[in-house]
């Protein structure tokens, strides 16, 4: 048995008083999404002043030593934060160091209807903190419709990254054998990324989310296949 995808904050942090945080109306408008995301939908009232862009303000509690906001790439420490957002926004924060697979161009994969199994390209979202030096995540593959995985027709691609003196090293390694596997491309999306120290073919940078995208060397989807990519980066961003 595994944990639920959506969980109240106190499920994972029962000893933290802030995991039971409520607003004046008794609401607690945030929840855990998967192992390393906090989503905080805006339920506070707008201030109603056009000069401020009709923002609403609410308090968000972040449980990890470092969290990265998906939309902006900004890093936040553990604790309560007072934040402004539009009512159409859903602020989402990732634990620094985490690696999350997503479909390209789909708002970091949240709410995506298409499956990872059918994707020719998968983005691996890596959330860099100011002091976080390594992390890992996994892409799981099966046919998505049968029980063939029970007899071993499935594969895991583990993505691990490590900060080095020269940048970031990323290793992709496959476990298991997925019979329907085809060649797949991977793109690394580094949130809160510092600048490249030298040019990398195919790289791009999104200034709004402070995200650097770099194509990765892709392994096959057979047991033991592996590929390593080194990305030249300057010192970590604060």
Protein backbone atom coordinates (compact mmCIF):
# COMPACT_ATOMS: atom_id res chain seq x y z
CA UNK A 1 0.00 0.00 0.00
CA UNK A 2 1.27 3.44 -0.90
CA UNK A 3 0.45 6.94 0.23
CA UNK A 4 -2.37 8.95 -1.31
CA UNK A 5 -1.46 11.41 -4.06
CA UNK A 6 -3.28 14.32 -2.36
CA UNK A 7 -2.73 14.60 1.39
CA UNK A 8 -3.24 17.15 4.16
CA UNK A 9 -0.03 18.69 5.45
CA UNK A 10 -0.27 16.97 8.83
CA UNK A 11 -0.24 13.55 7.10
CA UNK A 12 3.48 13.86 6.38
CA UNK A 13 4.35 16.33 9.15
CA UNK A 14 2.26 15.34 12.19
CA UNK A 15 4.72 16.84 14.69
CA UNK A 16 4.77 20.28 13.08
CA UNK A 17 2.30 22.76 14.58
CA UNK A 18 2.19 24.68 11.30
CA UNK A 19 0.88 21.57 9.56
CA UNK A 20 -2.44 22.37 11.24
CA UNK A 21 -2.40 26.06 10.27
CA UNK A 22 -5.84 27.60 9.66
CA UNK A 23 -6.89 31.05 8.54
CA UNK A 24 -9.42 33.22 10.40
CA UNK A 25 -12.30 31.29 8.79
CA UNK A 26 -10.91 27.90 9.75
CA UNK A 27 -9.66 27.02 6.26
CA UNK A 28 -6.31 25.46 5.46
CA UNK A 29 -5.94 26.09 1.73
CA UNK A 30 -2.90 23.99 0.88
CA UNK A 31 -2.08 20.32 0.45
CA UNK A 32 0.69 17.90 -0.50
CA UNK A 33 0.67 16.68 -4.10
CA UNK A 34 2.81 13.60 -4.54
CA UNK A 35 6.03 13.20 -2.54
CA UNK A 36 7.58 16.63 -3.17
CA UNK A 37 5.01 19.29 -4.11
CA UNK A 38 2.87 21.68 -2.06
CA UNK A 39 -0.11 23.28 -3.82
CA UNK A 40 -1.77 26.33 -2.27
CA UNK A 41 -4.91 27.43 -4.18
CA UNK A 42 -5.93 31.02 -3.52
CA UNK A 43 -9.05 31.14 -1.37
CA UNK A 44 -8.47 34.50 0.32
CA UNK A 45 -10.53 37.55 -0.66
CA UNK A 46 -9.18 39.98 -3.24
CA UNK A 47 -8.32 43.37 -1.82
CA UNK A 48 -10.45 44.94 -4.56
CA UNK A 49 -7.94 47.67 -5.40
CA UNK A 50 -7.11 47.88 -9.14
CA UNK A 51 -3.83 49.57 -8.23
CA UNK A 52 -2.55 46.32 -6.76
CA UNK A 53 -3.72 44.13 -9.64
CA UNK A 54 -6.62 42.59 -7.68
CA UNK A 55 -4.23 40.37 -5.74
CA UNK A 56 -5.26 38.26 -2.80
CA UNK A 57 -2.93 37.68 0.14
CA UNK A 58 -2.66 34.46 2.10
CA UNK A 59 -0.21 32.71 4.38
CA UNK A 60 1.50 29.55 3.12
CA UNK A 61 3.54 27.13 5.21
CA UNK A 62 6.49 25.42 3.51
CA UNK A 63 7.74 22.32 5.36
CA UNK A 64 11.15 21.76 3.76
CA UNK A 65 14.47 23.48 4.44
CA UNK A 66 14.32 24.84 0.89
CA UNK A 67 11.38 25.05 -1.52
CA UNK A 68 11.26 26.36 -5.09
CA UNK A 69 8.18 28.11 -6.51
CA UNK A 70 7.36 26.58 -9.88
CA UNK A 71 6.11 29.76 -11.52
CA UNK A 72 9.00 32.03 -10.55
CA UNK A 73 11.94 29.75 -9.67
CA UNK A 74 12.38 31.63 -6.38
CA UNK A 75 13.72 29.77 -3.36
CA UNK A 76 12.01 29.95 0.04
CA UNK A 77 13.14 28.61 3.40
CA UNK A 78 11.08 26.57 5.83
CA UNK A 79 8.28 28.41 7.60
CA UNK A 80 5.27 30.64 7.04
CA UNK A 81 5.27 33.04 4.10
CA UNK A 82 2.78 35.79 3.29
CA UNK A 83 2.22 35.77 -0.47
CA UNK A 84 0.18 37.67 -3.03
CA UNK A 85 -1.44 35.89 -5.98
CA UNK A 86 -4.23 36.38 -8.47
CA UNK A 87 -7.40 34.38 -7.93
CA UNK A 88 -6.65 32.44 -11.12
CA UNK A 89 -3.28 31.31 -9.73
CA UNK A 90 -2.47 28.09 -7.92
CA UNK A 91 0.91 28.63 -6.25
CA UNK A 92 2.90 25.38 -6.30
CA UNK A 93 6.21 24.73 -4.53
CA UNK A 94 8.66 21.86 -4.94
CA UNK A 95 11.11 20.50 -2.42
CA UNK A 96 14.59 21.62 -3.48
CA UNK A 97 16.54 18.74 -4.96
CA UNK A 98 13.51 16.87 -6.25
CA UNK A 99 13.30 15.59 -9.82
CA UNK A 100 9.80 15.42 -11.32
CA UNK A 101 8.97 14.02 -14.79
CA UNK A 102 6.58 16.12 -16.88
CA UNK A 103 5.35 16.64 -20.41
CA UNK A 104 6.95 19.63 -22.16
CA UNK A 105 4.94 22.84 -22.18
CA UNK A 106 2.21 21.62 -19.86
CA UNK A 107 2.60 23.86 -16.84
CA UNK A 108 5.14 21.51 -15.25
CA UNK A 109 2.93 18.52 -15.99
CA UNK A 110 0.16 19.52 -13.57
CA UNK A 111 -3.22 18.49 -14.89
CA UNK A 112 -1.77 16.98 -18.09
CA UNK A 113 -4.17 14.60 -19.82
CA UNK A 114 -1.66 12.85 -22.11
CA UNK A 115 0.42 10.00 -20.69
CA UNK A 116 4.15 9.86 -20.18
CA UNK A 117 4.16 6.45 -21.88
CA UNK A 118 3.21 8.02 -25.23
CA UNK A 119 5.64 10.93 -24.99
CA UNK A 120 8.60 11.15 -27.37
CA UNK A 121 10.17 13.74 -25.05
CA UNK A 122 9.95 14.01 -21.27
CA UNK A 123 11.11 16.95 -19.20
CA UNK A 124 12.87 16.19 -15.96
CA UNK A 125 12.21 19.12 -13.66
CA UNK A 126 15.11 19.63 -11.25
CA UNK A 127 14.61 22.15 -8.46
CA UNK A 128 17.88 23.74 -7.39
CA UNK A 129 18.06 25.38 -3.99
CA UNK A 130 20.70 27.73 -2.67
CA UNK A 131 22.29 24.98 -0.58
CA UNK A 132 20.93 21.76 -2.08
CA UNK A 133 23.68 19.78 -3.82
CA UNK A 134 21.98 16.59 -5.04
CA UNK A 135 18.66 14.94 -5.72
CA UNK A 136 16.84 12.17 -7.54
CA UNK A 137 13.60 11.12 -9.20
CA UNK A 138 12.19 8.29 -11.30
CA UNK A 139 10.24 7.81 -14.54
CA UNK A 140 8.14 4.64 -14.59
CA UNK A 141 7.08 2.92 -17.83
CA UNK A 142 4.53 0.23 -18.61
CA UNK A 143 1.84 -0.02 -21.31
CA UNK A 144 -0.65 1.84 -19.15
CA UNK A 145 -3.55 -0.48 -19.95
CA UNK A 146 -2.80 -4.12 -19.12
CA UNK A 147 -1.43 -6.15 -16.23
CA UNK A 148 1.74 -7.10 -18.13
CA UNK A 149 3.73 -5.19 -15.51
CA UNK A 150 2.91 -7.97 -13.03
CA UNK A 151 5.11 -10.34 -15.03
CA UNK A 152 7.90 -7.75 -15.24
CA UNK A 153 7.08 -5.91 -18.47
CA UNK A 154 7.96 -2.49 -17.06
CA UNK A 155 10.94 -0.25 -16.48
CA UNK A 156 12.14 2.53 -14.20
CA UNK A 157 14.49 5.28 -15.37
CA UNK A 158 16.25 6.77 -12.36
CA UNK A 159 17.49 10.35 -12.68
CA UNK A 160 20.11 11.49 -10.18
CA UNK A 161 21.89 14.83 -10.17
CA UNK A 162 24.88 16.13 -8.25
CA UNK A 163 26.29 19.62 -7.98
CA UNK A 164 30.00 19.75 -8.87
CA UNK A 165 32.64 22.48 -8.97
CA UNK A 166 31.95 22.87 -12.68
CA UNK A 167 28.17 22.62 -12.74
CA UNK A 168 25.71 19.73 -12.52
CA UNK A 169 26.17 16.06 -13.47
CA UNK A 170 23.01 14.14 -14.39
CA UNK A 171 22.90 10.34 -14.63
CA UNK A 172 19.97 8.45 -16.18
CA UNK A 173 19.89 4.71 -15.56
CA UNK A 174 17.24 2.15 -16.47
CA UNK A 175 16.04 -0.74 -14.31
CA UNK A 176 13.86 -3.48 -15.76
CA UNK A 177 12.78 -4.22 -19.34
CA UNK A 178 9.76 -2.68 -21.08
CA UNK A 179 9.02 -4.62 -24.27
CA UNK A 180 7.15 -1.78 -26.01
CA UNK A 181 9.93 0.72 -25.35
CA UNK A 182 11.01 3.06 -28.10
CA UNK A 183 13.75 5.67 -28.14
CA UNK A 184 12.87 8.65 -25.98
CA UNK A 185 14.44 12.06 -25.60
CA UNK A 186 14.88 13.82 -22.27
CA UNK A 187 15.18 17.52 -21.54
CA UNK A 188 16.49 18.71 -18.18
CA UNK A 189 14.63 21.75 -16.84
CA UNK A 190 16.69 23.33 -14.04
CA UNK A 191 14.58 25.70 -11.94
CA UNK A 192 16.44 28.50 -10.13
CA UNK A 193 19.33 27.79 -12.49
CA UNK A 194 22.49 29.91 -12.47
CA UNK A 195 23.96 30.93 -15.86
CA UNK A 196 25.83 28.53 -18.12
CA UNK A 197 29.58 29.05 -18.14
CA UNK A 198 29.84 27.83 -21.74
CA UNK A 199 27.40 27.26 -24.58
CA UNK A 200 25.36 24.05 -24.71
CA UNK A 201 23.73 23.02 -27.99
CA UNK A 202 19.94 23.06 -27.83
CA UNK A 203 19.74 24.89 -24.50
CA UNK A 204 17.19 27.63 -23.77
CA UNK A 205 16.38 29.87 -20.82
CA UNK A 206 13.02 31.08 -19.47
CA UNK A 207 13.59 34.27 -17.49
CA UNK A 208 10.09 34.28 -15.95
CA UNK A 209 10.63 30.98 -14.13
CA UNK A 210 14.46 31.15 -13.96
CA UNK A 211 14.49 27.80 -15.76
CA UNK A 212 17.31 26.51 -17.96
CA UNK A 213 16.40 23.72 -20.39
CA UNK A 214 19.14 21.42 -21.69
CA UNK A 215 18.78 18.24 -23.79
CA UNK A 216 20.15 15.14 -22.06
CA UNK A 217 21.87 12.05 -23.34
CA UNK A 218 19.14 9.43 -23.18
CA UNK A 219 19.65 5.81 -22.17
CA UNK A 220 17.71 2.98 -23.75
CA UNK A 221 14.88 1.38 -21.84
CA UNK A 222 16.69 -1.89 -21.16
CA UNK A 223 17.98 -3.02 -17.79
CA UNK A 224 21.34 -1.43 -17.01
CA UNK A 225 21.32 1.18 -19.78
CA UNK A 226 22.81 4.46 -18.53
CA UNK A 227 23.82 7.89 -19.80
CA UNK A 228 25.61 10.82 -18.12
CA UNK A 229 25.39 14.51 -19.02
CA UNK A 230 27.54 17.27 -17.50
CA UNK A 231 26.12 20.80 -17.58
CA UNK A 232 28.57 23.71 -17.06
CA UNK A 233 27.06 26.15 -14.55
CA UNK A 234 28.37 29.05 -12.51
CA UNK A 235 28.08 29.18 -8.72
CA UNK A 236 24.64 28.41 -7.30
CA UNK A 237 22.03 31.13 -7.41
CA UNK A 238 20.90 32.44 -4.00
